[in-house]
Amino acid sequence: MATYRDQGVVLRTVKLGEADRIITILTEGHGKVRAVAKGVRRTKSRFGSRLEPFMRADLLLARGRSLDVVSQAASLAAYADPICADYDRYANGGVILEAADKLVSTEHQPARPQYLLLIAALKALATGARDPRQISASYLMRSLALAGWRPRFDSCIVCSKSPNQTELSYFSVAGGGVVCQADHTPEAVRAGAHVRSQLEALTDGDWGRLGPGPLDPQTDRLVEKWGEYYLERPIRSLRLLDSTL
């Protein structure tokens, strides 16, 4: 089998047989990869905890017909320990991993900007750099913006004019951004200046503008709707997070 080396973050795992697992990894150079980690569920496995969700590892993989095979794995960053030790971090980390898995849908297609954004989000979550909810919401908006789905905030999506910001008082998920008072579409919702400012700050990763406080509940809802609309599927981890609030 031809082999290749890359680094990656484990997004999810599925049991296979009595001792193996199928590992889904977002790698730096090869995009999303699904590979078999043989014997990883045995107590004496040489991989140990290096192939668990939230772990970043240096990997040697062998190409297979349908699934690659993990030959070696060395830990690069153990994000899992601090994330799994705190419920809020763990719940929001689940949102990040699920979104990354769904957004990068094609295997072995390079997605380095998405990979770099993912490890930045996990590092921030593991170190407690920001509120966990802010980190996962910003990751979702920024990863979708990288993929081409960035909301418009500076002008109305209907008339393309840039009136006074107080007139851009609606937000349309389906339309792709803010809508002015005069031309708001039926599905657009009224969103105050604070909500629009938070959405833009999350999309830009502008932590100074976002501030340390919690997200407005409407901002939370719009982030969830934006993610699910453009991913074209529910984000189960977000639904679980909502149920605990």
Foldseek 3Di string as FASTA:
>chain_A
DDKDKWKWFWLAWDDDPDAKIWTWTQTQFFGIATAIEPRQRDPPRPCDCCRHGLWIWIFMWADDDPHIYTPDTDTDDCLPVQQVVDPLSVLLLNLLSLLSPLVRPDGRDHDNVLRVLSVVLSVCSSVVVARSLLSSLLNLLQSVVVVPQHADEQAALPPRDRDPSQQQFWADLVSRYTHGVVDDDPRIDGHDPLLSQCSVCSNVVPDVSNDRDDHDVVNLVSSQVNNCVVSVHHSVSSVVVVVVD
